[in-house]
Amino acid sequence: MRIAIMGVGGVGGYFGGLLAQAGADVTFIARGEHLRAMREYGLRVESVHGDFTVAPVQATDDPAAIGPVDTVIFATKTYQLDAAAQAMRPLIGPGTTVLPLHNGVDAAERTATIVGHAHVLGGVCYVGSQILAAGVIRQISQFRRVVVGELDGPITPRVERIVAVLRRAGAAAEASDDIQKMRWTKFAFIAPFSGVGAVTRVPAGEIVACPEARALAAAAVAEVEAVARAKGVALDADITPKTVAFIDNLTPLQIASMQRDVLEGRPSELESMIGAVVRLGAELGVPTPAFGFFYAALLPQERRARKT
């Protein structure tokens, strides 16, 4: 299986690194100093599961230089998705499968409108990782889970093939026949955690240790649950307490990638993580006061970061 990694950040760099380390035929699509460092020194992964370096590494900034592949793991930021999906069109052949691993709940549909619905699966990943320096990925979470499924059907052979490749590389990969449920289950965690982390500007351990901040996170989880149910998503009955318990047990220093971007003054995934809940809530008649607070508090800095 020929695999291209479109977006070599915390997610693409980590899972792509695992796959390459396990012997898979992987090419990374990166740019700038990150690409230069990878070409010169390889891709270095510092992980709680064991450090390793992929060297030499197959890496380029030109998808056309690669041509059609079997699988594209698509893991850019959501605000980069549309331009990146256009740029990766040379990777798409008749039998190419695209696995989006973005945050949010509409990345697969957005990708499908550009590269074609027949090529796109639904994907969900749970991992704590980031770019530490050019050519270096740091992974800090005990979990490194990927869920793969067809957007509107049962588990297929192509889903099983991708899951098997990820498992051989060491990821906790699984196939799902209800990827919409899985995407919203993750969103019920990552959107509230991103919002409360970005406004409090402290890591998970300090959020959990503060009853007021923890209560805000719990209220935000309940809002996502309410929006999902209004959309007809069949979440588990105990999704809110289960998700709050998951937050309680995060690594104390863990922060969300959106929070990291906010702290560093960069453009963030505010619209797809926070604004999306506010908009869907308004559309469906579901109150979302916690997310409304997150959005109002974070939007001025987002506009500054984007210079709009």
Protein backbone atom coordinates (compact mmCIF):
# COMPACT_ATOMS: atom_id res chain seq x y z
CA MET A 1 0.00 0.00 0.00
CA ARG A 2 1.40 3.39 -1.05
CA ILE A 3 0.46 6.03 1.51
CA ALA A 4 0.74 9.81 1.34
CA ILE A 5 0.53 11.99 4.45
CA MET A 6 -1.06 15.34 3.64
CA GLY A 7 -0.34 17.54 6.64
CA VAL A 8 2.71 16.54 8.70
CA GLY A 9 1.69 18.09 12.00
CA GLY A 10 1.04 16.35 15.28
CA VAL A 11 -1.44 13.87 13.82
CA GLY A 12 -0.03 13.27 10.34
CA GLY A 13 3.55 13.34 11.53
CA TYR A 14 2.91 10.89 14.35
CA PHE A 15 0.78 8.30 12.55
CA GLY A 16 2.78 8.70 9.33
CA GLY A 17 5.95 8.19 11.35
CA LEU A 18 4.54 5.03 12.93
CA LEU A 19 3.62 3.66 9.52
CA ALA A 20 7.00 4.46 7.98
CA GLN A 21 8.85 3.02 10.98
CA ALA A 22 6.85 -0.20 10.52
CA GLY A 23 8.00 -0.48 6.91
CA ALA A 24 5.05 0.99 5.03
CA ASP A 25 5.67 2.92 1.81
CA VAL A 26 4.96 6.44 3.11
CA THR A 27 5.60 9.82 1.51
CA PHE A 28 5.14 12.98 3.57
CA ILE A 29 3.90 16.21 2.01
CA ALA A 30 5.31 19.10 4.01
CA ARG A 31 6.80 22.51 3.40
CA GLY A 32 9.29 25.08 4.66
CA GLU A 33 11.69 24.33 7.48
CA HIS A 34 9.76 21.23 8.48
CA LEU A 35 10.38 19.73 5.05
CA ARG A 36 14.03 20.83 4.97
CA ALA A 37 14.74 19.28 8.37
CA MET A 38 12.99 16.03 7.43
CA ARG A 39 15.04 15.73 4.26
CA GLU A 40 18.30 16.44 6.07
CA TYR A 41 17.85 14.58 9.35
CA GLY A 42 14.75 12.41 8.90
CA LEU A 43 11.53 12.59 10.91
CA ARG A 44 12.17 12.34 14.65
CA VAL A 45 9.31 11.16 16.90
CA GLU A 46 9.58 11.56 20.67
CA SER A 47 6.83 9.46 22.21
CA VAL A 48 5.70 8.02 25.52
CA HIS A 49 5.57 4.72 23.62
CA GLY A 50 9.22 4.97 22.58
CA ASP A 51 11.31 7.40 20.53
CA PHE A 52 12.33 6.66 16.95
CA THR A 53 13.62 8.34 13.80
CA VAL A 54 12.52 7.66 10.25
CA ALA A 55 15.61 8.22 8.07
CA PRO A 56 15.93 8.59 5.21
CA VAL A 57 12.43 9.92 4.77
CA GLN A 58 10.37 10.29 1.58
CA ALA A 59 9.14 13.88 1.66
CA THR A 60 8.15 16.56 -0.82
CA ASP A 61 6.14 19.76 -1.13
CA ASP A 62 4.71 18.75 -4.50
CA PRO A 63 1.90 16.16 -4.60
CA ALA A 64 2.26 15.95 -8.38
CA ALA A 65 5.76 14.54 -7.88
CA ILE A 66 4.22 11.54 -6.11
CA GLY A 67 1.24 10.83 -8.34
CA PRO A 68 -1.71 8.62 -7.42
CA VAL A 69 -1.39 6.57 -4.23
CA ASP A 70 -3.51 3.92 -2.55
CA THR A 71 -4.29 5.92 0.59
CA VAL A 72 -4.04 9.55 1.62
CA ILE A 73 -4.06 10.31 5.34
CA PHE A 74 -5.35 13.89 5.38
CA ALA A 75 -4.48 15.74 8.58
CA THR A 76 -4.14 19.48 8.05
CA LYS A 77 -5.79 22.11 10.23
CA THR A 78 -9.47 22.52 9.36
CA TYR A 79 -8.94 26.10 8.19
CA GLN A 80 -6.40 24.76 5.67
CA LEU A 81 -8.65 21.93 4.48
CA ASP A 82 -10.11 23.37 1.29
CA ALA A 83 -6.83 24.61 -0.18
CA ALA A 84 -5.01 21.42 0.86
CA ALA A 85 -7.70 19.19 -0.65
CA GLN A 86 -7.34 21.05 -3.95
CA ALA A 87 -3.55 20.70 -3.78
CA MET A 88 -3.70 16.94 -3.18
CA ARG A 89 -5.79 16.17 -6.27
CA PRO A 90 -2.71 14.72 -8.10
CA LEU A 91 -2.59 12.02 -5.40
CA ILE A 92 -6.06 10.79 -6.30
CA GLY A 93 -6.36 7.92 -8.76
CA PRO A 94 -9.38 5.72 -9.54
CA GLY A 95 -8.77 3.49 -6.52
CA THR A 96 -7.41 6.04 -4.03
CA THR A 97 -8.92 6.21 -0.54
CA VAL A 98 -8.74 9.42 1.47
CA LEU A 99 -8.89 9.22 5.27
CA PRO A 100 -9.47 12.65 6.87
CA LEU A 101 -8.30 12.84 10.49
CA HIS A 102 -9.24 16.44 11.21
CA ASN A 103 -10.96 17.87 14.23
CA GLY A 104 -14.60 18.85 13.83
CA VAL A 105 -17.46 16.87 12.33
CA ASP A 106 -17.64 17.94 8.69
CA ALA A 107 -14.09 17.45 7.35
CA ALA A 108 -14.94 14.32 5.37
CA GLU A 109 -17.92 15.95 3.67
CA ARG A 110 -15.90 19.06 2.83
CA THR A 111 -13.09 16.90 1.43
CA ALA A 112 -15.53 14.81 -0.59
CA THR A 113 -16.91 17.85 -2.41
CA ILE A 114 -13.39 18.49 -3.75
CA VAL A 115 -11.90 15.04 -4.41
CA GLY A 116 -15.10 13.05 -4.95
CA HIS A 117 -17.37 11.25 -2.48
CA ALA A 118 -16.36 7.78 -3.67
CA HIS A 119 -12.79 8.32 -2.43
CA VAL A 120 -13.51 9.54 1.11
CA LEU A 121 -13.89 7.62 4.36
CA GLY A 122 -14.77 8.93 7.78
CA GLY A 123 -11.99 8.99 10.34
CA VAL A 124 -11.55 9.82 14.00
CA CYS A 125 -8.29 9.92 15.92
CA TYR A 126 -7.39 10.37 19.56
CA VAL A 127 -3.79 11.37 20.17
CA GLY A 128 -1.89 14.04 22.05
CA SER A 129 0.92 15.18 19.77
CA GLN A 130 2.45 18.28 18.23
CA ILE A 131 5.36 19.59 16.20
CA LEU A 132 8.12 20.22 18.74
CA ALA A 133 10.59 21.63 16.23
CA ALA A 134 11.22 21.37 12.50
CA GLY A 135 11.37 17.66 11.72
CA VAL A 136 10.43 16.63 15.28
CA ILE A 137 7.05 15.36 16.56
CA ARG A 138 6.34 14.95 20.28
CA GLN A 139 3.58 12.52 21.30
CA ILE A 140 2.53 12.61 24.98
CA SER A 141 -0.74 10.66 25.33
CA GLN A 142 -1.08 7.02 26.28
CA PHE A 143 -3.87 6.79 23.70
CA ARG A 144 -3.14 6.67 19.97
CA ARG A 145 -6.48 5.54 18.63
CA VAL A 146 -7.85 5.73 15.09
CA VAL A 147 -11.39 4.78 14.06
CA VAL A 148 -12.19 4.29 10.36
CA GLY A 149 -15.52 3.80 8.62
CA GLU A 150 -17.54 4.41 5.51
CA LEU A 151 -19.54 7.62 5.69
CA ASP A 152 -22.86 5.92 5.00
CA GLY A 153 -22.50 2.17 5.07
CA PRO A 154 -21.14 -1.01 6.63
CA ILE A 155 -17.50 -1.95 7.12
CA THR A 156 -15.86 -2.55 3.74
CA PRO A 157 -12.64 -4.26 2.63
CA ARG A 158 -10.89 -0.92 2.14
CA VAL A 159 -11.72 0.07 5.70
CA GLU A 160 -10.37 -3.25 6.97
CA ARG A 161 -7.15 -2.84 4.94
CA ILE A 162 -6.39 0.58 6.40
CA VAL A 163 -7.19 -0.60 9.93
CA ALA A 164 -4.86 -3.58 9.51
CA VAL A 165 -1.98 -1.39 8.30
CA LEU A 166 -2.43 1.01 11.23
CA ARG A 167 -2.57 -1.85 13.73
CA ARG A 168 0.64 -3.35 12.39
CA ALA A 169 2.29 0.03 12.97
CA GLY A 170 1.21 0.08 16.63
CA ALA A 171 -1.88 2.30 16.54
CA ALA A 172 -5.04 1.24 18.34
CA ALA A 173 -7.07 1.14 15.12
CA GLU A 174 -10.62 -0.10 14.70
CA ALA A 175 -13.36 -0.22 12.08
CA SER A 176 -16.80 1.26 12.70
CA ASP A 177 -20.14 0.81 10.97
CA ASP A 178 -21.38 4.11 12.50
CA ILE A 179 -18.65 6.66 11.91
CA GLN A 180 -21.07 9.56 12.41
CA LYS A 181 -21.61 8.44 15.99
CA MET A 182 -17.85 8.05 16.47
CA ARG A 183 -17.13 11.52 15.06
CA TRP A 184 -19.67 13.17 17.35
CA THR A 185 -18.46 11.14 20.32
CA LYS A 186 -14.99 12.59 19.85
CA PHE A 187 -16.39 16.04 19.14
CA ALA A 188 -18.21 15.91 22.49
CA PHE A 189 -14.74 15.76 24.05
CA ILE A 190 -12.46 17.82 21.85
CA ALA A 191 -14.72 20.84 21.27
CA PRO A 192 -15.47 21.49 24.98
CA PHE A 193 -11.89 20.71 26.00
CA SER A 194 -10.58 23.09 23.34
CA GLY A 195 -12.98 25.82 24.38
CA VAL A 196 -12.43 25.68 28.13
CA GLY A 197 -8.68 25.25 27.65
CA ALA A 198 -8.43 28.22 25.32
CA VAL A 199 -10.31 30.58 27.64
CA THR A 200 -8.65 29.41 30.88
CA ARG A 201 -5.21 29.01 29.25
CA VAL A 202 -4.22 26.17 31.57
CA PRO A 203 -3.70 22.43 30.94
CA ALA A 204 -6.08 19.60 31.74
CA GLY A 205 -4.90 18.99 35.29
CA GLU A 206 -5.59 22.57 36.36
CA ILE A 207 -8.98 22.62 34.64
CA VAL A 208 -10.05 19.46 36.46
CA ALA A 209 -8.69 20.76 39.78
CA CYS A 210 -10.85 23.90 39.52
CA PRO A 211 -14.53 23.03 40.21
CA GLU A 212 -15.80 26.05 38.28
CA ALA A 213 -13.73 25.30 35.18
CA ARG A 214 -14.61 21.61 35.32
CA ALA A 215 -18.31 22.50 35.58
CA LEU A 216 -17.97 24.73 32.52
CA ALA A 217 -16.39 21.86 30.59
CA ALA A 218 -19.20 19.52 31.67
CA ALA A 219 -21.85 22.04 30.60
CA ALA A 220 -20.16 22.36 27.20
CA VAL A 221 -20.12 18.57 26.75
CA ALA A 222 -23.85 18.49 27.47
CA GLU A 223 -24.41 21.17 24.82
CA VAL A 224 -22.63 19.11 22.16
CA GLU A 225 -24.72 16.10 23.17
CA ALA A 226 -27.92 18.14 22.79
CA VAL A 227 -26.91 19.42 19.35
CA ALA A 228 -25.93 15.94 18.16
CA ARG A 229 -29.22 14.41 19.31
CA ALA A 230 -31.15 17.22 17.60
CA LYS A 231 -29.30 16.21 14.40
CA GLY A 232 -30.38 12.60 14.88
CA VAL A 233 -26.98 11.20 15.93
CA ALA A 234 -27.43 8.10 18.12
CA LEU A 235 -24.90 8.83 20.87
CA ASP A 236 -24.60 6.56 23.90
CA ALA A 237 -26.99 7.41 26.73
CA ASP A 238 -24.08 8.12 29.09
CA ILE A 239 -22.01 10.20 26.66
CA THR A 240 -21.78 13.30 28.89
CA PRO A 241 -20.64 11.65 32.16
CA LYS A 242 -18.34 9.32 30.22
CA THR A 243 -16.73 12.25 28.39
CA VAL A 244 -16.29 14.29 31.57
CA ALA A 245 -14.62 11.26 33.17
CA PHE A 246 -12.31 11.05 30.16
CA ILE A 247 -11.32 14.71 30.69
CA ASP A 248 -10.76 13.99 34.38
CA ASN A 249 -8.25 11.30 33.46
CA LEU A 250 -6.25 13.17 30.84
CA THR A 251 -2.51 13.61 31.29
CA PRO A 252 -2.30 16.65 33.64
CA LEU A 253 -0.18 18.70 31.22
CA GLN A 254 -2.27 17.92 28.15
CA ILE A 255 -3.75 20.76 26.12
CA ALA A 256 -5.75 20.78 22.91
CA SER A 257 -4.15 21.84 19.64
CA MET A 258 -6.63 24.72 19.32
CA GLN A 259 -5.62 25.97 22.76
CA ARG A 260 -1.96 25.80 21.76
CA ASP A 261 -2.63 27.89 18.67
CA VAL A 262 -4.54 30.48 20.71
CA LEU A 263 -1.77 30.68 23.30
CA GLU A 264 0.82 31.23 20.58
CA GLY A 265 -1.24 33.84 18.74
CA ARG A 266 -1.74 31.74 15.60
CA PRO A 267 -4.92 31.20 13.59
CA SER A 268 -6.91 28.41 15.22
CA GLU A 269 -9.74 25.99 14.51
CA LEU A 270 -12.20 28.26 16.31
CA GLU A 271 -14.81 28.17 13.55
CA SER A 272 -14.89 24.38 13.13
CA MET A 273 -14.60 23.57 16.84
CA ILE A 274 -16.55 26.32 18.61
CA GLY A 275 -18.37 28.38 16.01
CA ALA A 276 -19.84 25.23 14.48
CA VAL A 277 -21.64 24.37 17.72
CA VAL A 278 -23.03 27.89 18.04
CA ARG A 279 -24.27 27.88 14.44
CA LEU A 280 -25.77 24.39 14.62
CA GLY A 281 -27.40 25.18 17.94
CA ALA A 282 -29.06 28.26 16.47
CA GLU A 283 -30.17 26.29 13.41
CA LEU A 284 -31.62 23.45 15.46
CA GLY A 285 -33.08 25.53 18.30
CA VAL A 286 -30.66 24.15 20.89
CA PRO A 287 -29.26 26.64 23.47
CA THR A 288 -25.44 26.68 23.59
CA PRO A 289 -24.49 29.33 26.19
CA ALA A 290 -21.11 27.80 27.07
CA PHE A 291 -20.06 27.69 23.44
CA GLY A 292 -21.46 31.16 22.90
CA PHE A 293 -19.19 32.38 25.69
CA PHE A 294 -16.17 30.56 24.25
CA TYR A 295 -16.82 32.00 20.80
CA ALA A 296 -17.33 35.59 21.97
CA ALA A 297 -14.26 35.45 24.21
CA LEU A 298 -11.96 33.97 21.56
CA LEU A 299 -13.15 35.68 18.37
CA PRO A 300 -11.27 38.99 18.86
CA GLN A 301 -7.93 37.20 19.17
CA GLU A 302 -8.81 34.97 16.21
CA ARG A 303 -9.45 38.06 14.10
CA ARG A 304 -6.16 39.53 15.25
CA ALA A 305 -4.32 36.31 14.35
CA ARG A 306 -5.91 36.32 10.91
CA LYS A 307 -5.54 40.12 10.59
CA THR A 308 -9.18 40.50 9.57
